[in-house]
């Protein structure tokens, strides 16, 4: 149970980081193509940051809940 919890937590962090990285690369390419898209870049990056922060907080809360439940079950 503990290993499942740790694997779930690490996989969610990895997915969020890959999402941010891919989005940054795609927006960087679109900025190089269009010279006037800085506003779009910052807006979309801010939205992506909010979504990623939400997912990280959600996984942290869920991970701590499962961690305390696992410790009590032992």
PDB file of N, CA and C in Angstrom:
ATOM      1  N   UNK A   1       0.825  -1.201   0.000  1.00  0.00           N
ATOM      2  CA  UNK A   1       0.000   0.000   0.000  1.00  0.00           C
ATOM      3  C   UNK A   1       0.866   1.261   0.000  1.00  0.00           C
ATOM      4  N   UNK A   2       1.925   1.215   0.776  1.00  0.00           N
ATOM      5  CA  UNK A   2       2.811   2.379   0.852  1.00  0.00           C
ATOM      6  C   UNK A   2       3.508   2.626  -0.479  1.00  0.00           C
ATOM      7  N   UNK A   3       3.938   1.562  -1.141  1.00  0.00           N
ATOM      8  CA  UNK A   3       4.602   1.727  -2.438  1.00  0.00           C
ATOM      9  C   UNK A   3       3.627   2.251  -3.496  1.00  0.00           C
ATOM     10  N   UNK A   4       2.378   1.828  -3.446  1.00  0.00           N
ATOM     11  CA  UNK A   4       1.372   2.341  -4.379  1.00  0.00           C
ATOM     12  C   UNK A   4       1.178   3.836  -4.174  1.00  0.00           C
ATOM     13  N   UNK A   5       1.141   4.252  -2.917  1.00  0.00           N
ATOM     14  CA  UNK A   5       0.982   5.668  -2.598  1.00  0.00           C
ATOM     15  C   UNK A   5       2.154   6.485  -3.121  1.00  0.00           C
ATOM     16  N   UNK A   6       3.368   6.019  -2.878  1.00  0.00           N
ATOM     17  CA  UNK A   6       4.558   6.756  -3.333  1.00  0.00           C
ATOM     18  C   UNK A   6       4.602   6.797  -4.849  1.00  0.00           C
ATOM     19  N   UNK A   7       4.297   5.696  -5.513  1.00  0.00           N
ATOM     20  CA  UNK A   7       4.301   5.680  -6.980  1.00  0.00           C
ATOM     21  C   UNK A   7       3.254   6.619  -7.553  1.00  0.00           C
ATOM     22  N   UNK A   8       2.065   6.650  -6.953  1.00  0.00           N
ATOM     23  CA  UNK A   8       1.007   7.538  -7.428  1.00  0.00           C
ATOM     24  C   UNK A   8       1.440   8.999  -7.302  1.00  0.00           C
ATOM     25  N   UNK A   9       2.015   9.334  -6.161  1.00  0.00           N
ATOM     26  CA  UNK A   9       2.438  10.712  -5.921  1.00  0.00           C
ATOM     27  C   UNK A   9       3.527  11.137  -6.904  1.00  0.00           C
ATOM     28  N   UNK A  10       4.519  10.277  -7.134  1.00  0.00           N
ATOM     29  CA  UNK A  10       5.605  10.614  -8.049  1.00  0.00           C
ATOM     30  C   UNK A  10       5.122  10.699  -9.492  1.00  0.00           C
ATOM     31  N   UNK A  11       4.213   9.829  -9.879  1.00  0.00           N
ATOM     32  CA  UNK A  11       3.691   9.861 -11.247  1.00  0.00           C
ATOM     33  C   UNK A  11       2.895  11.141 -11.494  1.00  0.00           C
ATOM     34  N   UNK A  12       2.101  11.578 -10.515  1.00  0.00           N
ATOM     35  CA  UNK A  12       1.338  12.814 -10.692  1.00  0.00           C
ATOM     36  C   UNK A  12       2.256  14.031 -10.804  1.00  0.00           C
ATOM     37  N   UNK A  13       3.308  14.089  -9.999  1.00  0.00           N
ATOM     38  CA  UNK A  13       4.261  15.190 -10.101  1.00  0.00           C
ATOM     39  C   UNK A  13       4.949  15.163 -11.462  1.00  0.00           C
ATOM     40  N   UNK A  14       5.311  13.982 -11.935  1.00  0.00           N
ATOM     41  CA  UNK A  14       5.968  13.857 -13.232  1.00  0.00           C
ATOM     42  C   UNK A  14       5.045  14.302 -14.359  1.00  0.00           C
ATOM     43  N   UNK A  15       3.768  13.935 -14.306  1.00  0.00           N
ATOM     44  CA  UNK A  15       2.812  14.334 -15.335  1.00  0.00           C
ATOM     45  C   UNK A  15       2.656  15.856 -15.359  1.00  0.00           C
ATOM     46  N   UNK A  16       2.568  16.469 -14.187  1.00  0.00           N
ATOM     47  CA  UNK A  16       2.431  17.928 -14.136  1.00  0.00           C
ATOM     48  C   UNK A  16       3.665  18.615 -14.702  1.00  0.00           C
ATOM     49  N   UNK A  17       4.848  18.125 -14.375  1.00  0.00           N
ATOM     50  CA  UNK A  17       6.068  18.737 -14.888  1.00  0.00           C
ATOM     51  C   UNK A  17       6.193  18.571 -16.392  1.00  0.00           C
ATOM     52  N   UNK A  18       5.834  17.412 -16.911  1.00  0.00           N
ATOM     53  CA  UNK A  18       5.879  17.192 -18.360  1.00  0.00           C
ATOM     54  C   UNK A  18       4.875  18.102 -19.066  1.00  0.00           C
ATOM     55  N   UNK A  19       3.705  18.290 -18.465  1.00  0.00           N
ATOM     56  CA  UNK A  19       2.693  19.165 -19.034  1.00  0.00           C
ATOM     57  C   UNK A  19       3.209  20.593 -19.138  1.00  0.00           C
ATOM     58  N   UNK A  20       3.822  21.097 -18.066  1.00  0.00           N
ATOM     59  CA  UNK A  20       4.367  22.453 -18.084  1.00  0.00           C
ATOM     60  C   UNK A  20       5.465  22.580 -19.128  1.00  0.00           C
ATOM     61  N   UNK A  21       6.344  21.600 -19.180  1.00  0.00           N
ATOM     62  CA  UNK A  21       7.466  21.657 -20.111  1.00  0.00           C
ATOM     63  C   UNK A  21       7.002  21.629 -21.560  1.00  0.00           C
ATOM     64  N   UNK A  22       6.066  20.754 -21.894  1.00  0.00           N
ATOM     65  CA  UNK A  22       5.565  20.674 -23.267  1.00  0.00           C
ATOM     66  C   UNK A  22       4.850  21.960 -23.665  1.00  0.00           C
ATOM     67  N   UNK A  23       4.070  22.489 -22.746  1.00  0.00           N
ATOM     68  CA  UNK A  23       3.352  23.726 -23.056  1.00  0.00           C
ATOM     69  C   UNK A  23       4.323  24.872 -23.271  1.00  0.00           C
ATOM     70  N   UNK A  24       5.368  24.937 -22.460  1.00  0.00           N
ATOM     71  CA  UNK A  24       6.361  25.996 -22.612  1.00  0.00           C
ATOM     72  C   UNK A  24       7.071  25.885 -23.960  1.00  0.00           C
ATOM     73  N   UNK A  25       7.419  24.655 -24.367  1.00  0.00           N
ATOM     74  CA  UNK A  25       8.102  24.469 -25.659  1.00  0.00           C
ATOM     75  C   UNK A  25       7.188  24.873 -26.806  1.00  0.00           C
ATOM     76  N   UNK A  26       5.909  24.472 -26.748  1.00  0.00           N
ATOM     77  CA  UNK A  26       4.986  24.825 -27.822  1.00  0.00           C
ATOM     78  C   UNK A  26       4.762  26.334 -27.903  1.00  0.00           C
ATOM     79  N   UNK A  27       4.605  26.973 -26.760  1.00  0.00           N
ATOM     80  CA  UNK A  27       4.406  28.422 -26.779  1.00  0.00           C
ATOM     81  C   UNK A  27       5.661  29.143 -27.238  1.00  0.00           C
ATOM     82  N   UNK A  28       6.811  28.627 -26.909  1.00  0.00           N
ATOM     83  CA  UNK A  28       8.066  29.235 -27.356  1.00  0.00           C
ATOM     84  C   UNK A  28       8.165  29.173 -28.883  1.00  0.00           C
ATOM     85  N   UNK A  29       7.765  28.041 -29.459  1.00  0.00           N
ATOM     86  CA  UNK A  29       7.789  27.928 -30.918  1.00  0.00           C
ATOM     87  C   UNK A  29       6.813  28.904 -31.562  1.00  0.00           C
ATOM     88  N   UNK A  30       5.638  29.072 -30.955  1.00  0.00           N
ATOM     89  CA  UNK A  30       4.665  29.999 -31.537  1.00  0.00           C
ATOM     90  C   UNK A  30       5.142  31.445 -31.404  1.00  0.00           C
ATOM     91  N   UNK A  31       5.898  31.746 -30.345  1.00  0.00           N
ATOM     92  CA  UNK A  31       6.444  33.101 -30.207  1.00  0.00           C
ATOM     93  C   UNK A  31       7.495  33.353 -31.279  1.00  0.00           C
ATOM     94  N   UNK A  32       8.300  32.337 -31.582  1.00  0.00           N
ATOM     95  CA  UNK A  32       9.311  32.520 -32.615  1.00  0.00           C
ATOM     96  C   UNK A  32       8.663  32.708 -33.982  1.00  0.00           C
ATOM     97  N   UNK A  33       7.489  32.106 -34.201  1.00  0.00           N
ATOM     98  CA  UNK A  33       6.807  32.284 -35.479  1.00  0.00           C
ATOM     99  C   UNK A  33       6.118  33.636 -35.558  1.00  0.00           C
ATOM    100  N   UNK A  34       5.410  34.000 -34.481  1.00  0.00           N
ATOM    101  CA  UNK A  34       4.706  35.282 -34.447  1.00  0.00           C
ATOM    102  C   UNK A  34       5.424  36.201 -33.473  1.00  0.00           C
ATOM    103  N   UNK A  35       5.632  37.415 -33.887  1.00  0.00           N
ATOM    104  CA  UNK A  35       6.387  38.331 -33.027  1.00  0.00           C
ATOM    105  C   UNK A  35       5.509  39.019 -31.986  1.00  0.00           C
ATOM    106  N   UNK A  36       4.187  39.021 -32.137  1.00  0.00           N
ATOM    107  CA  UNK A  36       3.322  39.798 -31.246  1.00  0.00           C
ATOM    108  C   UNK A  36       2.510  38.930 -30.292  1.00  0.00           C
ATOM    109  N   UNK A  37       3.015  37.792 -29.903  1.00  0.00           N
ATOM    110  CA  UNK A  37       2.194  36.894 -29.088  1.00  0.00           C
ATOM    111  C   UNK A  37       2.690  36.782 -27.653  1.00  0.00           C
ATOM    112  N   UNK A  38       3.368  37.800 -27.147  1.00  0.00           N
ATOM    113  CA  UNK A  38       3.830  37.742 -25.757  1.00  0.00           C
ATOM    114  C   UNK A  38       2.665  37.742 -24.779  1.00  0.00           C
ATOM    115  N   UNK A  39       1.617  38.492 -25.099  1.00  0.00           N
ATOM    116  CA  UNK A  39       0.446  38.532 -24.211  1.00  0.00           C
ATOM    117  C   UNK A  39      -0.217  37.165 -24.141  1.00  0.00           C
ATOM    118  N   UNK A  40      -0.359  36.514 -25.285  1.00  0.00           N
ATOM    119  CA  UNK A  40      -0.930  35.165 -25.296  1.00  0.00           C
ATOM    120  C   UNK A  40      -0.050  34.190 -24.509  1.00  0.00           C
ATOM    121  N   UNK A  41       1.259  34.331 -24.663  1.00  0.00           N
ATOM    122  CA  UNK A  41       2.168  33.434 -23.966  1.00  0.00           C
ATOM    123  C   UNK A  41       2.014  33.573 -22.452  1.00  0.00           C
ATOM    124  N   UNK A  42       2.030  34.792 -21.938  1.00  0.00           N
ATOM    125  CA  UNK A  42       1.944  34.977 -20.495  1.00  0.00           C
ATOM    126  C   UNK A  42       0.580  34.555 -19.956  1.00  0.00           C
ATOM    127  N   UNK A  43      -0.480  34.836 -20.723  1.00  0.00           N
ATOM    128  CA  UNK A  43      -1.809  34.438 -20.260  1.00  0.00           C
ATOM    129  C   UNK A  43      -1.936  32.920 -20.196  1.00  0.00           C
ATOM    130  N   UNK A  44      -1.509  32.234 -21.242  1.00  0.00           N
ATOM    131  CA  UNK A  44      -1.642  30.777 -21.261  1.00  0.00           C
ATOM    132  C   UNK A  44      -0.701  30.131 -20.252  1.00  0.00           C
ATOM    133  N   UNK A  45       0.488  30.723 -20.079  1.00  0.00           N
ATOM    134  CA  UNK A  45       1.411  30.160 -19.098  1.00  0.00           C
ATOM    135  C   UNK A  45       0.871  30.350 -17.678  1.00  0.00           C
ATOM    136  N   UNK A  46       0.223  31.486 -17.415  1.00  0.00           N
ATOM    137  CA  UNK A  46      -0.366  31.719 -16.101  1.00  0.00           C
ATOM    138  C   UNK A  46      -1.507  30.734 -15.842  1.00  0.00           C
ATOM    139  N   UNK A  47      -2.352  30.510 -16.855  1.00  0.00           N
ATOM    140  CA  UNK A  47      -3.448  29.535 -16.701  1.00  0.00           C
ATOM    141  C   UNK A  47      -2.898  28.141 -16.452  1.00  0.00           C
ATOM    142  N   UNK A  48      -1.858  27.776 -17.193  1.00  0.00           N
ATOM    143  CA  UNK A  48      -1.254  26.459 -17.010  1.00  0.00           C
ATOM    144  C   UNK A  48      -0.632  26.337 -15.622  1.00  0.00           C
ATOM    145  N   UNK A  49      -0.037  27.423 -15.135  1.00  0.00           N
ATOM    146  CA  UNK A  49       0.547  27.418 -13.791  1.00  0.00           C
ATOM    147  C   UNK A  49      -0.535  27.193 -12.736  1.00  0.00           C
ATOM    148  N   UNK A  50      -1.686  27.844 -12.911  1.00  0.00           N
ATOM    149  CA  UNK A  50      -2.772  27.673 -11.942  1.00  0.00           C
ATOM    150  C   UNK A  50      -3.285  26.236 -11.942  1.00  0.00           C
ATOM    151  N   UNK A  51      -3.453  25.659 -13.129  1.00  0.00           N
ATOM    152  CA  UNK A  51      -3.944  24.280 -13.225  1.00  0.00           C
ATOM    153  C   UNK A  51      -2.944  23.310 -12.598  1.00  0.00           C
ATOM    154  N   UNK A  52      -1.659  23.506 -12.896  1.00  0.00           N
ATOM    155  CA  UNK A  52      -0.634  22.620 -12.343  1.00  0.00           C
ATOM    156  C   UNK A  52      -0.557  22.743 -10.833  1.00  0.00           C
ATOM    157  N   UNK A  53      -0.678  23.977 -10.330  1.00  0.00           N
ATOM    158  CA  UNK A  53      -0.641  24.172  -8.884  1.00  0.00           C
ATOM    159  C   UNK A  53      -1.830  23.479  -8.218  1.00  0.00           C
ATOM    160  N   UNK A  54      -2.993  23.555  -8.863  1.00  0.00           N
ATOM    161  CA  UNK A  54      -4.168  22.870  -8.329  1.00  0.00           C
ATOM    162  C   UNK A  54      -3.938  21.361  -8.256  1.00  0.00           C
ATOM    163  N   UNK A  55      -3.400  20.779  -9.340  1.00  0.00           N
ATOM    164  CA  UNK A  55      -3.166  19.337  -9.348  1.00  0.00           C
ATOM    165  C   UNK A  55      -2.122  18.940  -8.314  1.00  0.00           C
ATOM    166  N   UNK A  56      -1.083  19.754  -8.153  1.00  0.00           N
ATOM    167  CA  UNK A  56      -0.059  19.423  -7.162  1.00  0.00           C
ATOM    168  C   UNK A  56      -0.624  19.496  -5.747  1.00  0.00           C
ATOM    169  N   UNK A  57      -1.442  20.518  -5.472  1.00  0.00           N
ATOM    170  CA  UNK A  57      -2.049  20.606  -4.143  1.00  0.00           C
ATOM    171  C   UNK A  57      -2.998  19.440  -3.909  1.00  0.00           C
ATOM    172  N   UNK A  58      -3.740  19.076  -4.948  1.00  0.00           N
ATOM    173  CA  UNK A  58      -4.680  17.974  -4.796  1.00  0.00           C
ATOM    174  C   UNK A  58      -3.939  16.667  -4.513  1.00  0.00           C
ATOM    175  N   UNK A  59      -2.863  16.417  -5.250  1.00  0.00           N
ATOM    176  CA  UNK A  59      -2.110  15.186  -5.007  1.00  0.00           C
ATOM    177  C   UNK A  59      -1.421  15.222  -3.657  1.00  0.00           C
ATOM    178  N   UNK A  60      -0.938  16.399  -3.234  1.00  0.00           N
ATOM    179  CA  UNK A  60      -0.304  16.476  -1.920  1.00  0.00           C
ATOM    180  C   UNK A  60      -1.309  16.176  -0.816  1.00  0.00           C
ATOM    181  N   UNK A  61      -2.507  16.745  -0.919  1.00  0.00           N
ATOM    182  CA  UNK A  61      -3.537  16.483   0.082  1.00  0.00           C
ATOM    183  C   UNK A  61      -3.922  15.008   0.090  1.00  0.00           C
ATOM    184  N   UNK A  62      -4.136  14.447  -1.102  1.00  0.00           N
ATOM    185  CA  UNK A  62      -4.528  13.042  -1.210  1.00  0.00           C
ATOM    186  C   UNK A  62      -3.414  12.136  -0.692  1.00  0.00           C
ATOM    187  N   UNK A  63      -2.150  12.494  -1.016  1.00  0.00           N
ATOM    188  CA  UNK A  63      -1.016  11.703  -0.556  1.00  0.00           C
ATOM    189  C   UNK A  63      -0.881  11.725   0.954  1.00  0.00           C
ATOM    190  N   UNK A  64      -1.044  12.907   1.564  1.00  0.00           N
ATOM    191  CA  UNK A  64      -0.957  13.005   3.025  1.00  0.00           C
ATOM    192  C   UNK A  64      -2.103  12.240   3.689  1.00  0.00           C
ATOM    193  N   UNK A  65      -3.287  12.309   3.100  1.00  0.00           N
ATOM    194  CA  UNK A  65      -4.426  11.573   3.647  1.00  0.00           C
ATOM    195  C   UNK A  65      -4.164  10.066   3.613  1.00  0.00           C
ATOM    196  N   UNK A  66      -3.705   9.573   2.465  1.00  0.00           N
ATOM    197  CA  UNK A  66      -3.425   8.139   2.364  1.00  0.00           C
ATOM    198  C   UNK A  66      -2.260   7.737   3.253  1.00  0.00           C
ATOM    199  N   UNK A  67      -1.268   8.638   3.369  1.00  0.00           N
ATOM    200  CA  UNK A  67      -0.118   8.334   4.211  1.00  0.00           C
ATOM    201  C   UNK A  67      -0.552   8.156   5.666  1.00  0.00           C
ATOM    202  N   UNK A  68      -1.360   9.090   6.175  1.00  0.00           N
ATOM    203  CA  UNK A  68      -1.803   8.984   7.568  1.00  0.00           C
ATOM    204  C   UNK A  68      -2.699   7.760   7.760  1.00  0.00           C
ATOM    205  N   UNK A  69      -3.530   7.453   6.758  1.00  0.00           N
ATOM    206  CA  UNK A  69      -4.387   6.269   6.853  1.00  0.00           C
ATOM    207  C   UNK A  69      -3.546   4.998   6.889  1.00  0.00           C
ATOM    208  N   UNK A  70      -2.472   4.957   6.069  1.00  0.00           N
ATOM    209  CA  UNK A  70      -1.607   3.780   6.037  1.00  0.00           C
ATOM    210  C   UNK A  70      -0.857   3.610   7.353  1.00  0.00           C
ATOM    211  N   UNK A  71      -0.376   4.726   7.915  1.00  0.00           N
ATOM    212  CA  UNK A  71       0.346   4.646   9.187  1.00  0.00           C
ATOM    213  C   UNK A  71      -0.596   4.154  10.303  1.00  0.00           C
ATOM    214  N   UNK A  72      -1.839   4.640  10.294  1.00  0.00           N
ATOM    215  CA  UNK A  72      -2.790   4.195  11.320  1.00  0.00           C
ATOM    216  C   UNK A  72      -3.147   2.722  11.144  1.00  0.00           C
ATOM    217  N   UNK A  73      -3.199   2.267   9.899  1.00  0.00           N
ATOM    218  CA  UNK A  73      -3.542   0.868   9.646  1.00  0.00           C
ATOM    219  C   UNK A  73      -2.437  -0.079  10.102  1.00  0.00           C
ATOM    220  N   UNK A  74      -1.198   0.421  10.124  1.00  0.00           N
ATOM    221  CA  UNK A  74      -0.097  -0.423  10.577  1.00  0.00           C
ATOM    222  C   UNK A  74      -0.183  -0.566  12.084  1.00  0.00           C
TER     223      UNK A  74
END
